[in-house]
Amino acid sequence: MILVETEFVRSIEIENVLPCLADPDKIRVIAQANADMSDVLPYINGLVKNCIYNHEGKTLTLKKEHRIINIYGCRVTIAKADDVDDARRTLDWLRSLVNKCWARRDEIEPNYFRRGRLSPLDILRLLPLSNCGKCGEKTCTAFAVKLAAEEVSVTRCAELFDSTWRDKRETLFRLLKESGYDVPSLFASEESDEQE
């Protein structure tokens, strides 16, 4: 007889739909899972890049495209969902992720550490501060805020790639990488090439 492990989470149901505080064209939802997901969070943190995990608080925050997903116990919140159907698809995706991580927990190294977050000021001090607008933002401060929130890529700051800003660029890339932010591999390897 073959024993098949049942799903860790069978359902995550929407309990409340509210206006999104960050974007008036989006919604946020509060949902309830049939099981406490606390035990699987370190495995998700070990597998998915750019999570923010708090082991003591048993919470995990991750992004799926523009959506921000928070998990704590049986509770799930989603901010910036396009609509209720989008929220349901996101919850289905999350349920699948949780179940896959739980089923593969013997293969995944759990990560119990909390990823560091950079503040906009940490980033701003390493930008050219020209307010040139080439990145699509009106000011370097606005760009730093969006970069800290992972809403834009560091590659949008064209002036940062001028040789004048090499030291600050390398420092910023190192800080971003150490804090778990996406740094394009071409630029992430720049530092290691120079150390050889």
Protein backbone atom coordinates (compact mmCIF):
# COMPACT_ATOMS: atom_id res chain seq x y z
CA MET A 1 0.00 0.00 0.00
CA ILE A 2 1.37 3.42 -0.98
CA LEU A 3 0.75 6.23 1.47
CA VAL A 4 0.17 9.60 -0.13
CA GLU A 5 0.83 12.61 2.04
CA THR A 6 -2.19 14.89 2.10
CA GLU A 7 -1.84 18.57 1.31
CA PHE A 8 -0.50 20.70 4.14
CA VAL A 9 -2.97 23.45 3.24
CA ARG A 10 -6.21 22.43 1.54
CA SER A 11 -7.77 25.87 1.27
CA ILE A 12 -7.19 29.58 1.80
CA GLU A 13 -10.50 31.44 1.74
CA ILE A 14 -11.03 35.18 1.40
CA GLU A 15 -12.77 36.63 4.45
CA ASN A 16 -12.64 40.34 3.73
CA VAL A 17 -12.04 42.59 0.71
CA LEU A 18 -10.94 46.17 1.37
CA PRO A 19 -9.62 49.12 -0.63
CA CYS A 20 -5.84 49.07 -1.02
CA LEU A 21 -4.16 51.78 1.02
CA ALA A 22 -1.13 51.99 -1.29
CA ASP A 23 -2.99 52.08 -4.62
CA PRO A 24 -6.63 53.19 -4.94
CA ASP A 25 -7.02 51.15 -8.16
CA LYS A 26 -6.19 47.91 -6.32
CA ILE A 27 -7.69 45.94 -3.44
CA ARG A 28 -6.38 44.19 -0.36
CA VAL A 29 -7.76 40.99 1.05
CA ILE A 30 -7.68 39.15 4.33
CA ALA A 31 -7.86 35.38 4.01
CA GLN A 32 -7.87 32.36 6.30
CA ALA A 33 -6.11 29.03 5.66
CA ASN A 34 -7.37 25.74 7.05
CA ALA A 35 -3.96 25.11 8.68
CA ASP A 36 -1.33 27.08 10.57
CA MET A 37 1.49 27.69 8.08
CA SER A 38 4.12 28.75 10.64
CA ASP A 39 6.14 25.53 10.30
CA VAL A 40 6.56 25.90 6.53
CA LEU A 41 7.68 29.56 6.59
CA PRO A 42 11.42 28.85 7.09
CA TYR A 43 11.31 26.54 4.06
CA ILE A 44 9.65 29.19 1.91
CA ASN A 45 12.25 31.67 3.18
CA GLY A 46 14.97 29.19 2.18
CA LEU A 47 13.54 28.69 -1.30
CA VAL A 48 12.06 32.02 -2.41
CA LYS A 49 14.34 35.01 -2.88
CA ASN A 50 13.55 38.34 -1.29
CA CYS A 51 11.25 37.17 1.49
CA ILE A 52 11.19 38.99 4.79
CA TYR A 53 10.91 36.40 7.53
CA ASN A 54 10.54 36.99 11.25
CA HIS A 55 11.17 33.70 13.04
CA GLU A 56 10.18 35.00 16.48
CA GLY A 57 6.94 36.50 15.17
CA LYS A 58 6.31 33.58 12.78
CA THR A 59 5.56 35.94 9.88
CA LEU A 60 6.69 36.01 6.27
CA THR A 61 6.28 38.70 3.64
CA LEU A 62 6.89 38.03 -0.04
CA LYS A 63 6.05 39.61 -3.34
CA LYS A 64 4.43 38.10 -6.41
CA GLU A 65 4.94 40.69 -9.10
CA HIS A 66 3.33 43.87 -7.68
CA ARG A 67 1.35 42.04 -4.97
CA ILE A 68 2.56 42.00 -1.37
CA ILE A 69 1.65 38.82 0.53
CA ASN A 70 1.88 38.47 4.31
CA ILE A 71 1.54 35.11 6.06
CA TYR A 72 1.14 34.70 9.80
CA GLY A 73 -0.27 31.50 11.23
CA CYS A 74 -3.51 30.71 9.41
CA ARG A 75 -3.88 34.31 8.22
CA VAL A 76 -2.90 35.70 4.83
CA THR A 77 -3.17 39.26 3.62
CA ILE A 78 -2.60 40.45 0.07
CA ALA A 79 -2.06 44.10 -0.81
CA LYS A 80 -2.19 45.51 -4.34
CA ALA A 81 -4.33 42.72 -5.82
CA ASP A 82 -5.93 43.79 -9.10
CA ASP A 83 -9.39 42.46 -8.17
CA VAL A 84 -11.03 39.53 -6.34
CA ASP A 85 -10.24 37.08 -9.15
CA ASP A 86 -6.60 38.13 -9.06
CA ALA A 87 -6.57 37.68 -5.27
CA ARG A 88 -8.03 34.17 -5.64
CA ARG A 89 -5.39 33.23 -8.24
CA THR A 90 -2.69 34.59 -5.93
CA LEU A 91 -4.06 32.56 -3.01
CA ASP A 92 -4.11 29.43 -5.20
CA TRP A 93 -0.50 30.13 -6.16
CA LEU A 94 0.40 30.59 -2.48
CA ARG A 95 -1.36 27.37 -1.46
CA SER A 96 0.56 25.51 -4.15
CA LEU A 97 3.85 27.08 -3.01
CA VAL A 98 3.19 26.16 0.63
CA ASN A 99 2.29 22.57 -0.28
CA LYS A 100 5.31 22.14 -2.57
CA CYS A 101 7.68 23.54 0.06
CA TRP A 102 6.20 21.29 2.73
CA ALA A 103 6.37 18.20 0.49
CA ARG A 104 10.02 18.99 -0.35
CA ARG A 105 11.08 20.10 3.13
CA ASP A 106 13.70 17.33 3.34
CA GLU A 107 15.37 18.80 0.23
CA ILE A 108 15.12 22.49 1.21
CA GLU A 109 17.45 24.05 3.74
CA PRO A 110 15.26 26.17 6.02
CA ASN A 111 16.36 29.76 6.50
CA TYR A 112 15.56 31.14 9.95
CA PHE A 113 17.24 34.49 9.38
CA ARG A 114 15.53 37.76 8.74
CA ARG A 115 16.58 39.57 5.62
CA GLY A 116 17.84 43.07 6.20
CA ARG A 117 15.96 45.96 4.64
CA LEU A 118 17.68 49.01 3.31
CA SER A 119 16.12 52.35 4.08
CA PRO A 120 15.65 54.93 1.34
CA LEU A 121 18.35 57.00 3.06
CA ASP A 122 20.82 54.08 2.90
CA ILE A 123 20.27 54.06 -0.86
CA LEU A 124 20.01 57.83 -1.38
CA ARG A 125 23.48 58.53 0.01
CA LEU A 126 24.94 56.31 -2.73
CA LEU A 127 23.05 57.88 -5.65
CA PRO A 128 24.36 60.74 -7.85
CA LEU A 129 21.75 63.15 -6.35
CA SER A 130 21.39 65.02 -9.66
CA ASN A 131 17.58 64.65 -9.85
CA CYS A 132 18.05 64.15 -13.62
CA GLY A 133 14.80 62.20 -14.01
CA LYS A 134 16.32 59.64 -16.42
CA CYS A 135 15.06 56.86 -14.13
CA GLY A 136 11.47 58.00 -14.57
CA GLU A 137 11.23 59.62 -11.13
CA LYS A 138 11.29 63.35 -10.45
CA THR A 139 13.95 63.12 -7.75
CA CYS A 140 16.66 60.79 -6.55
CA THR A 141 14.76 60.60 -3.26
CA ALA A 142 11.66 59.25 -5.04
CA PHE A 143 13.85 56.70 -6.85
CA ALA A 144 15.49 55.65 -3.55
CA VAL A 145 12.07 55.13 -1.93
CA LYS A 146 10.94 52.92 -4.82
CA LEU A 147 14.23 51.00 -4.91
CA ALA A 148 14.04 50.35 -1.14
CA ALA A 149 10.51 48.98 -1.66
CA GLU A 150 11.76 46.90 -4.64
CA GLU A 151 9.39 48.66 -7.02
CA VAL A 152 12.17 49.61 -9.46
CA SER A 153 15.49 48.13 -10.55
CA VAL A 154 18.78 49.79 -9.67
CA THR A 155 19.60 49.67 -13.39
CA ARG A 156 17.14 52.52 -14.04
CA CYS A 157 19.61 55.01 -12.55
CA ALA A 158 21.64 55.76 -15.71
CA GLU A 159 24.07 58.18 -14.05
CA LEU A 160 25.11 55.54 -11.53
CA PHE A 161 26.77 53.64 -14.39
CA ASP A 162 29.07 56.53 -15.28
CA SER A 163 32.69 55.83 -14.24
CA THR A 164 32.50 58.86 -11.92
CA TRP A 165 30.17 56.88 -9.65
CA ARG A 166 32.02 53.55 -9.73
CA ASP A 167 32.85 53.38 -6.00
CA LYS A 168 29.34 54.35 -4.91
CA ARG A 169 27.82 51.97 -7.48
CA GLU A 170 29.91 49.05 -6.19
CA THR A 171 29.01 49.89 -2.59
CA LEU A 172 25.31 50.14 -3.46
CA PHE A 173 25.36 46.83 -5.38
CA ARG A 174 27.10 45.13 -2.45
CA LEU A 175 24.55 46.49 0.05
CA LEU A 176 21.64 45.50 -2.20
CA LYS A 177 23.03 42.00 -2.69
CA GLU A 178 23.79 41.50 1.04
CA SER A 179 20.24 42.59 1.88
CA GLY A 180 18.71 40.12 -0.58
CA TYR A 181 17.66 42.58 -3.26
CA ASP A 182 17.84 41.62 -6.91
CA VAL A 183 21.05 42.80 -8.51
CA PRO A 184 21.38 41.83 -12.17
CA SER A 185 23.97 39.05 -12.40
CA LEU A 186 26.05 41.03 -14.90
CA PHE A 187 26.63 43.70 -12.24
CA ALA A 188 26.73 41.34 -9.26
CA SER A 189 29.74 39.60 -10.85
CA GLU A 190 31.50 42.94 -11.49
CA GLU A 191 32.81 43.01 -7.93
CA SER A 192 34.03 39.38 -7.94
CA ASP A 193 35.80 39.90 -11.30
CA GLU A 194 37.78 42.78 -9.85
CA GLN A 195 38.82 40.80 -6.76
CA GLU A 196 40.49 38.04 -8.83
